[in-house]
């Protein structure tokens, strides 16, 4: 709490913050939202740690926010941690981000479930960012449709990573328009249908750079 209070202080010169894989559940939602949106770049993304780092952290009694374990034989290979945030905190952050007062330009929340965030608020917030990584965030069909529509209607040359979310419910033409407006779009493991892939490929301009477009049936 002290950190976020200091960030919101008038004398703070901090512009970037990486607090991924941290339990933030005890921070007051409004304070957290104001602090994050007063910065320019914030990462709340999940992280993969080595077994040695995991044992060390757990031995100190840390709240790991454990998500997955990778085990080979009798050995722990790696562990994935998530950032622990409540639904109320996430809603407050995206409401603040959607407002005109937010200074945030880049946000990375990959691996953090956004399923409880209001779809319209989420869409307005993403549309205001220059760069957003919302991959693997468990978007609902309604959220996916609303966010992709907002991207398709917004300014171009922004970077939004939507990979790891099920986008199969999005209208192909809307998805195609959204992809065409993004710089290096990434739809890795987004459960795209054949019709969606065809629509997207038809809109790609010669020389356009994209990270990866993927479906279970066809790899592009």
C-alpha atoms as a PDB file:
ATOM      1  CA  UNK A   1       0.000   0.000   0.000  1.00  0.00           C
ATOM      2  CA  UNK A   2       2.845   2.394   0.827  1.00  0.00           C
ATOM      3  CA  UNK A   3       4.266   1.938  -2.673  1.00  0.00           C
ATOM      4  CA  UNK A   4       1.019   2.895  -4.394  1.00  0.00           C
ATOM      5  CA  UNK A   5       0.449   5.822  -2.053  1.00  0.00           C
ATOM      6  CA  UNK A   6       3.925   7.108  -2.944  1.00  0.00           C
ATOM      7  CA  UNK A   7       3.276   6.662  -6.666  1.00  0.00           C
ATOM      8  CA  UNK A   8       0.169   8.842  -6.473  1.00  0.00           C
ATOM      9  CA  UNK A   9       2.106  11.554  -4.630  1.00  0.00           C
ATOM     10  CA  UNK A  10       2.719  14.818  -6.476  1.00  0.00           C
ATOM     11  CA  UNK A  11       6.502  14.399  -6.212  1.00  0.00           C
ATOM     12  CA  UNK A  12       6.665  10.928  -7.793  1.00  0.00           C
ATOM     13  CA  UNK A  13       8.736  10.756 -10.991  1.00  0.00           C
ATOM     14  CA  UNK A  14       8.162   7.027 -11.571  1.00  0.00           C
ATOM     15  CA  UNK A  15       6.955   6.228 -15.085  1.00  0.00           C
ATOM     16  CA  UNK A  16       7.373   2.446 -15.421  1.00  0.00           C
ATOM     17  CA  UNK A  17       6.464  -0.342 -12.999  1.00  0.00           C
ATOM     18  CA  UNK A  18       6.687  -4.146 -13.187  1.00  0.00           C
ATOM     19  CA  UNK A  19       4.778  -5.828 -10.366  1.00  0.00           C
ATOM     20  CA  UNK A  20       3.811  -9.052 -12.083  1.00  0.00           C
ATOM     21  CA  UNK A  21       3.280 -12.265 -10.095  1.00  0.00           C
ATOM     22  CA  UNK A  22       2.564 -10.300  -6.915  1.00  0.00           C
ATOM     23  CA  UNK A  23      -0.324 -10.619  -4.469  1.00  0.00           C
ATOM     24  CA  UNK A  24      -1.966  -7.199  -4.587  1.00  0.00           C
ATOM     25  CA  UNK A  25      -5.330  -8.274  -3.182  1.00  0.00           C
ATOM     26  CA  UNK A  26      -4.952  -6.174  -0.020  1.00  0.00           C
ATOM     27  CA  UNK A  27      -4.466  -2.878  -1.871  1.00  0.00           C
ATOM     28  CA  UNK A  28      -7.516  -0.580  -1.880  1.00  0.00           C
ATOM     29  CA  UNK A  29      -9.008  -0.721  -5.419  1.00  0.00           C
ATOM     30  CA  UNK A  30      -9.237   3.038  -5.924  1.00  0.00           C
ATOM     31  CA  UNK A  31      -5.652   3.617  -4.791  1.00  0.00           C
ATOM     32  CA  UNK A  32      -4.361   0.830  -7.026  1.00  0.00           C
ATOM     33  CA  UNK A  33      -6.258   2.212 -10.024  1.00  0.00           C
ATOM     34  CA  UNK A  34      -5.045   5.783  -9.510  1.00  0.00           C
ATOM     35  CA  UNK A  35      -1.437   4.650  -9.066  1.00  0.00           C
ATOM     36  CA  UNK A  36      -1.396   2.443 -12.167  1.00  0.00           C
ATOM     37  CA  UNK A  37      -3.049   5.046 -14.356  1.00  0.00           C
ATOM     38  CA  UNK A  38      -0.648   7.785 -13.243  1.00  0.00           C
ATOM     39  CA  UNK A  39       2.212   5.818 -14.817  1.00  0.00           C
ATOM     40  CA  UNK A  40       3.048   5.342 -18.493  1.00  0.00           C
ATOM     41  CA  UNK A  41       3.938   1.651 -18.587  1.00  0.00           C
ATOM     42  CA  UNK A  42       2.797  -1.104 -16.193  1.00  0.00           C
ATOM     43  CA  UNK A  43       3.216  -4.874 -16.188  1.00  0.00           C
ATOM     44  CA  UNK A  44       0.945  -7.063 -14.079  1.00  0.00           C
ATOM     45  CA  UNK A  45       1.776 -10.141 -16.120  1.00  0.00           C
ATOM     46  CA  UNK A  46       2.252 -13.678 -14.868  1.00  0.00           C
ATOM     47  CA  UNK A  47       5.787 -15.052 -14.833  1.00  0.00           C
ATOM     48  CA  UNK A  48       7.509 -18.411 -15.121  1.00  0.00           C
ATOM     49  CA  UNK A  49      10.177 -19.004 -12.500  1.00  0.00           C
ATOM     50  CA  UNK A  50      12.840 -21.688 -12.146  1.00  0.00           C
ATOM     51  CA  UNK A  51      12.465 -24.409  -9.545  1.00  0.00           C
ATOM     52  CA  UNK A  52      15.309 -22.930  -7.466  1.00  0.00           C
ATOM     53  CA  UNK A  53      13.657 -19.523  -7.292  1.00  0.00           C
ATOM     54  CA  UNK A  54      10.326 -21.136  -6.423  1.00  0.00           C
ATOM     55  CA  UNK A  55      11.723 -23.184  -3.537  1.00  0.00           C
ATOM     56  CA  UNK A  56      13.512 -20.109  -2.196  1.00  0.00           C
ATOM     57  CA  UNK A  57      10.385 -17.958  -2.323  1.00  0.00           C
ATOM     58  CA  UNK A  58       8.116 -20.595  -0.771  1.00  0.00           C
ATOM     59  CA  UNK A  59      10.647 -21.244   1.986  1.00  0.00           C
ATOM     60  CA  UNK A  60      10.338 -17.583   3.002  1.00  0.00           C
ATOM     61  CA  UNK A  61       6.600 -18.013   3.358  1.00  0.00           C
ATOM     62  CA  UNK A  62       5.680 -16.072   0.234  1.00  0.00           C
ATOM     63  CA  UNK A  63       2.222 -16.129  -1.323  1.00  0.00           C
ATOM     64  CA  UNK A  64       3.194 -17.443  -4.744  1.00  0.00           C
ATOM     65  CA  UNK A  65      -0.052 -17.020  -6.667  1.00  0.00           C
ATOM     66  CA  UNK A  66       0.724 -20.461  -8.076  1.00  0.00           C
ATOM     67  CA  UNK A  67      -0.911 -21.282 -11.414  1.00  0.00           C
ATOM     68  CA  UNK A  68       0.916 -24.238 -12.997  1.00  0.00           C
ATOM     69  CA  UNK A  69       3.697 -26.676 -12.227  1.00  0.00           C
ATOM     70  CA  UNK A  70       5.950 -28.313 -14.802  1.00  0.00           C
ATOM     71  CA  UNK A  71       7.410 -31.604 -13.575  1.00  0.00           C
ATOM     72  CA  UNK A  72       9.762 -34.034 -15.302  1.00  0.00           C
ATOM     73  CA  UNK A  73      10.183 -37.312 -13.458  1.00  0.00           C
ATOM     74  CA  UNK A  74      10.801 -36.412  -9.819  1.00  0.00           C
ATOM     75  CA  UNK A  75      12.048 -32.910 -10.596  1.00  0.00           C
ATOM     76  CA  UNK A  76      10.218 -29.582 -10.552  1.00  0.00           C
ATOM     77  CA  UNK A  77      11.216 -27.807 -13.765  1.00  0.00           C
ATOM     78  CA  UNK A  78       9.309 -24.532 -13.713  1.00  0.00           C
ATOM     79  CA  UNK A  79       6.389 -22.810 -12.046  1.00  0.00           C
ATOM     80  CA  UNK A  80       3.981 -20.219 -13.425  1.00  0.00           C
ATOM     81  CA  UNK A  81       2.823 -17.480 -11.052  1.00  0.00           C
ATOM     82  CA  UNK A  82      -0.100 -15.131 -11.546  1.00  0.00           C
ATOM     83  CA  UNK A  83      -0.669 -11.648 -10.208  1.00  0.00           C
ATOM     84  CA  UNK A  84      -3.319 -11.878  -7.487  1.00  0.00           C
ATOM     85  CA  UNK A  85      -5.958  -9.193  -8.054  1.00  0.00           C
ATOM     86  CA  UNK A  86      -9.608  -9.098  -7.017  1.00  0.00           C
ATOM     87  CA  UNK A  87     -12.443  -8.502  -9.449  1.00  0.00           C
ATOM     88  CA  UNK A  88     -13.150  -5.181  -7.735  1.00  0.00           C
ATOM     89  CA  UNK A  89      -9.539  -4.072  -8.204  1.00  0.00           C
ATOM     90  CA  UNK A  90      -9.523  -4.988 -11.889  1.00  0.00           C
ATOM     91  CA  UNK A  91     -12.814  -3.191 -12.482  1.00  0.00           C
ATOM     92  CA  UNK A  92     -11.451  -0.076 -10.745  1.00  0.00           C
ATOM     93  CA  UNK A  93      -8.231  -0.150 -12.778  1.00  0.00           C
ATOM     94  CA  UNK A  94     -10.006  -0.416 -16.125  1.00  0.00           C
ATOM     95  CA  UNK A  95     -12.603   2.197 -15.187  1.00  0.00           C
ATOM     96  CA  UNK A  96      -9.776   4.613 -14.343  1.00  0.00           C
ATOM     97  CA  UNK A  97      -7.936   3.645 -17.514  1.00  0.00           C
ATOM     98  CA  UNK A  98     -11.040   4.280 -19.609  1.00  0.00           C
ATOM     99  CA  UNK A  99     -11.265   7.829 -18.270  1.00  0.00           C
ATOM    100  CA  UNK A 100      -9.643  10.804 -19.977  1.00  0.00           C
ATOM    101  CA  UNK A 101      -7.356  11.425 -16.985  1.00  0.00           C
ATOM    102  CA  UNK A 102      -5.290   8.246 -17.432  1.00  0.00           C
ATOM    103  CA  UNK A 103      -1.637   8.682 -18.441  1.00  0.00           C
ATOM    104  CA  UNK A 104      -1.075   4.968 -19.070  1.00  0.00           C
ATOM    105  CA  UNK A 105       0.136   4.084 -22.577  1.00  0.00           C
ATOM    106  CA  UNK A 106       1.273   0.453 -22.183  1.00  0.00           C
ATOM    107  CA  UNK A 107      -0.300  -2.272 -20.056  1.00  0.00           C
ATOM    108  CA  UNK A 108       0.630  -5.937 -19.776  1.00  0.00           C
ATOM    109  CA  UNK A 109      -1.878  -8.132 -17.922  1.00  0.00           C
ATOM    110  CA  UNK A 110      -1.230 -11.417 -19.703  1.00  0.00           C
ATOM    111  CA  UNK A 111      -2.265 -14.424 -17.664  1.00  0.00           C
ATOM    112  CA  UNK A 112      -4.573 -12.406 -15.382  1.00  0.00           C
ATOM    113  CA  UNK A 113      -8.258 -13.293 -15.696  1.00  0.00           C
ATOM    114  CA  UNK A 114     -10.315 -10.301 -16.818  1.00  0.00           C
ATOM    115  CA  UNK A 115     -13.566 -12.262 -16.973  1.00  0.00           C
ATOM    116  CA  UNK A 116     -15.193 -10.158 -14.241  1.00  0.00           C
ATOM    117  CA  UNK A 117     -14.431  -6.787 -15.834  1.00  0.00           C
ATOM    118  CA  UNK A 118     -17.377  -5.069 -17.537  1.00  0.00           C
ATOM    119  CA  UNK A 119     -17.011  -5.627 -21.274  1.00  0.00           C
ATOM    120  CA  UNK A 120     -17.726  -2.014 -22.268  1.00  0.00           C
ATOM    121  CA  UNK A 121     -15.284  -0.628 -19.712  1.00  0.00           C
ATOM    122  CA  UNK A 122     -12.630  -3.110 -20.832  1.00  0.00           C
ATOM    123  CA  UNK A 123     -13.134  -2.188 -24.482  1.00  0.00           C
ATOM    124  CA  UNK A 124     -12.878   1.569 -23.833  1.00  0.00           C
ATOM    125  CA  UNK A 125      -9.726   1.048 -21.789  1.00  0.00           C
ATOM    126  CA  UNK A 126      -7.987  -1.115 -24.386  1.00  0.00           C
ATOM    127  CA  UNK A 127      -8.944   1.351 -27.114  1.00  0.00           C
ATOM    128  CA  UNK A 128      -7.112   4.145 -25.244  1.00  0.00           C
ATOM    129  CA  UNK A 129      -3.821   2.260 -24.960  1.00  0.00           C
ATOM    130  CA  UNK A 130      -0.954   2.402 -27.434  1.00  0.00           C
ATOM    131  CA  UNK A 131       0.080  -1.113 -26.458  1.00  0.00           C
ATOM    132  CA  UNK A 132      -1.859  -3.774 -24.547  1.00  0.00           C
ATOM    133  CA  UNK A 133      -1.079  -7.407 -23.834  1.00  0.00           C
ATOM    134  CA  UNK A 134      -4.332  -9.073 -22.798  1.00  0.00           C
ATOM    135  CA  UNK A 135      -3.345 -12.557 -23.905  1.00  0.00           C
ATOM    136  CA  UNK A 136      -4.512 -15.553 -21.841  1.00  0.00           C
ATOM    137  CA  UNK A 137      -6.938 -13.397 -19.845  1.00  0.00           C
ATOM    138  CA  UNK A 138     -10.024 -15.646 -20.087  1.00  0.00           C
ATOM    139  CA  UNK A 139     -12.114 -13.172 -22.063  1.00  0.00           C
ATOM    140  CA  UNK A 140     -15.788 -14.119 -22.295  1.00  0.00           C
ATOM    141  CA  UNK A 141     -17.491 -14.211 -25.714  1.00  0.00           C
ATOM    142  CA  UNK A 142     -19.157 -10.868 -24.965  1.00  0.00           C
ATOM    143  CA  UNK A 143     -15.863  -9.296 -23.889  1.00  0.00           C
ATOM    144  CA  UNK A 144     -14.089 -10.647 -26.963  1.00  0.00           C
ATOM    145  CA  UNK A 145     -16.725  -9.214 -29.304  1.00  0.00           C
ATOM    146  CA  UNK A 146     -16.777  -5.830 -27.559  1.00  0.00           C
ATOM    147  CA  UNK A 147     -12.997  -5.439 -27.354  1.00  0.00           C
ATOM    148  CA  UNK A 148     -12.397  -6.469 -30.973  1.00  0.00           C
ATOM    149  CA  UNK A 149     -15.152  -4.114 -32.163  1.00  0.00           C
ATOM    150  CA  UNK A 150     -13.559  -1.231 -30.234  1.00  0.00           C
ATOM    151  CA  UNK A 151     -10.193  -2.002 -31.822  1.00  0.00           C
ATOM    152  CA  UNK A 152     -11.758  -2.095 -35.290  1.00  0.00           C
ATOM    153  CA  UNK A 153     -13.242   1.374 -34.770  1.00  0.00           C
ATOM    154  CA  UNK A 154     -10.217   2.913 -33.076  1.00  0.00           C
ATOM    155  CA  UNK A 155      -6.996   4.503 -34.333  1.00  0.00           C
ATOM    156  CA  UNK A 156      -4.480   2.337 -36.163  1.00  0.00           C
ATOM    157  CA  UNK A 157      -0.845   1.455 -35.510  1.00  0.00           C
ATOM    158  CA  UNK A 158      -1.425   0.159 -31.996  1.00  0.00           C
ATOM    159  CA  UNK A 159      -0.262  -3.162 -30.584  1.00  0.00           C
ATOM    160  CA  UNK A 160      -2.770  -5.468 -28.904  1.00  0.00           C
ATOM    161  CA  UNK A 161      -1.999  -9.099 -28.120  1.00  0.00           C
ATOM    162  CA  UNK A 162      -5.241 -11.089 -28.007  1.00  0.00           C
ATOM    163  CA  UNK A 163      -3.647 -14.530 -28.130  1.00  0.00           C
ATOM    164  CA  UNK A 164      -4.789 -17.299 -25.835  1.00  0.00           C
ATOM    165  CA  UNK A 165      -8.386 -16.029 -25.753  1.00  0.00           C
ATOM    166  CA  UNK A 166     -11.276 -17.714 -27.545  1.00  0.00           C
ATOM    167  CA  UNK A 167     -12.218 -15.280 -30.320  1.00  0.00           C
ATOM    168  CA  UNK A 168     -14.368 -17.708 -32.302  1.00  0.00           C
ATOM    169  CA  UNK A 169     -17.552 -15.755 -31.446  1.00  0.00           C
ATOM    170  CA  UNK A 170     -16.296 -12.554 -33.108  1.00  0.00           C
ATOM    171  CA  UNK A 171     -17.754 -11.745 -36.528  1.00  0.00           C
ATOM    172  CA  UNK A 172     -15.089 -12.498 -39.173  1.00  0.00           C
ATOM    173  CA  UNK A 173     -15.402  -9.100 -40.856  1.00  0.00           C
ATOM    174  CA  UNK A 174     -15.052  -7.267 -37.528  1.00  0.00           C
ATOM    175  CA  UNK A 175     -12.002  -9.324 -36.572  1.00  0.00           C
ATOM    176  CA  UNK A 176     -10.450  -8.664 -39.968  1.00  0.00           C
ATOM    177  CA  UNK A 177     -10.975  -4.897 -39.631  1.00  0.00           C
ATOM    178  CA  UNK A 178      -9.433  -4.966 -36.151  1.00  0.00           C
ATOM    179  CA  UNK A 179      -6.365  -6.914 -37.290  1.00  0.00           C
ATOM    180  CA  UNK A 180      -5.864  -4.504 -40.176  1.00  0.00           C
ATOM    181  CA  UNK A 181      -5.668  -1.598 -37.730  1.00  0.00           C
ATOM    182  CA  UNK A 182      -3.038  -3.208 -35.495  1.00  0.00           C
ATOM    183  CA  UNK A 183       0.743  -3.121 -35.676  1.00  0.00           C
ATOM    184  CA  UNK A 184       2.100  -6.672 -35.444  1.00  0.00           C
ATOM    185  CA  UNK A 185      -1.203  -8.336 -34.460  1.00  0.00           C
ATOM    186  CA  UNK A 186      -0.902 -11.569 -32.483  1.00  0.00           C
ATOM    187  CA  UNK A 187      -3.757 -14.098 -32.486  1.00  0.00           C
ATOM    188  CA  UNK A 188      -1.773 -17.112 -31.322  1.00  0.00           C
ATOM    189  CA  UNK A 189      -4.058 -19.860 -29.966  1.00  0.00           C
ATOM    190  CA  UNK A 190      -7.155 -17.689 -30.335  1.00  0.00           C
ATOM    191  CA  UNK A 191      -9.415 -20.544 -31.552  1.00  0.00           C
ATOM    192  CA  UNK A 192      -9.991 -18.846 -34.899  1.00  0.00           C
ATOM    193  CA  UNK A 193     -12.453 -20.421 -37.297  1.00  0.00           C
ATOM    194  CA  UNK A 194     -11.624 -21.059 -40.936  1.00  0.00           C
ATOM    195  CA  UNK A 195     -13.973 -18.242 -41.956  1.00  0.00           C
ATOM    196  CA  UNK A 196     -12.235 -15.829 -39.587  1.00  0.00           C
ATOM    197  CA  UNK A 197      -8.791 -16.757 -40.905  1.00  0.00           C
ATOM    198  CA  UNK A 198      -9.925 -16.297 -44.499  1.00  0.00           C
ATOM    199  CA  UNK A 199     -11.361 -12.861 -43.671  1.00  0.00           C
ATOM    200  CA  UNK A 200      -8.198 -11.782 -41.864  1.00  0.00           C
ATOM    201  CA  UNK A 201      -5.870 -12.962 -44.624  1.00  0.00           C
ATOM    202  CA  UNK A 202      -7.922 -11.108 -47.230  1.00  0.00           C
ATOM    203  CA  UNK A 203      -7.395  -7.815 -45.388  1.00  0.00           C
ATOM    204  CA  UNK A 204      -3.644  -8.134 -44.799  1.00  0.00           C
ATOM    205  CA  UNK A 205      -1.770  -5.568 -46.848  1.00  0.00           C
ATOM    206  CA  UNK A 206       1.415  -6.428 -48.770  1.00  0.00           C
ATOM    207  CA  UNK A 207       4.393  -5.900 -46.503  1.00  0.00           C
ATOM    208  CA  UNK A 208       2.273  -5.888 -43.341  1.00  0.00           C
ATOM    209  CA  UNK A 209       4.077  -7.411 -40.360  1.00  0.00           C
ATOM    210  CA  UNK A 210       2.223  -9.678 -37.959  1.00  0.00           C
ATOM    211  CA  UNK A 211       3.459 -11.870 -35.128  1.00  0.00           C
ATOM    212  CA  UNK A 212       1.331 -14.938 -35.737  1.00  0.00           C
ATOM    213  CA  UNK A 213      -2.163 -16.001 -36.754  1.00  0.00           C
ATOM    214  CA  UNK A 214      -3.164 -19.433 -35.603  1.00  0.00           C
ATOM    215  CA  UNK A 215      -6.013 -21.927 -35.430  1.00  0.00           C
ATOM    216  CA  UNK A 216      -6.126 -25.568 -34.415  1.00  0.00           C
ATOM    217  CA  UNK A 217      -6.580 -26.607 -38.041  1.00  0.00           C
ATOM    218  CA  UNK A 218      -4.436 -24.157 -39.976  1.00  0.00           C
ATOM    219  CA  UNK A 219      -1.145 -22.560 -38.983  1.00  0.00           C
ATOM    220  CA  UNK A 220      -0.193 -19.181 -40.532  1.00  0.00           C
END
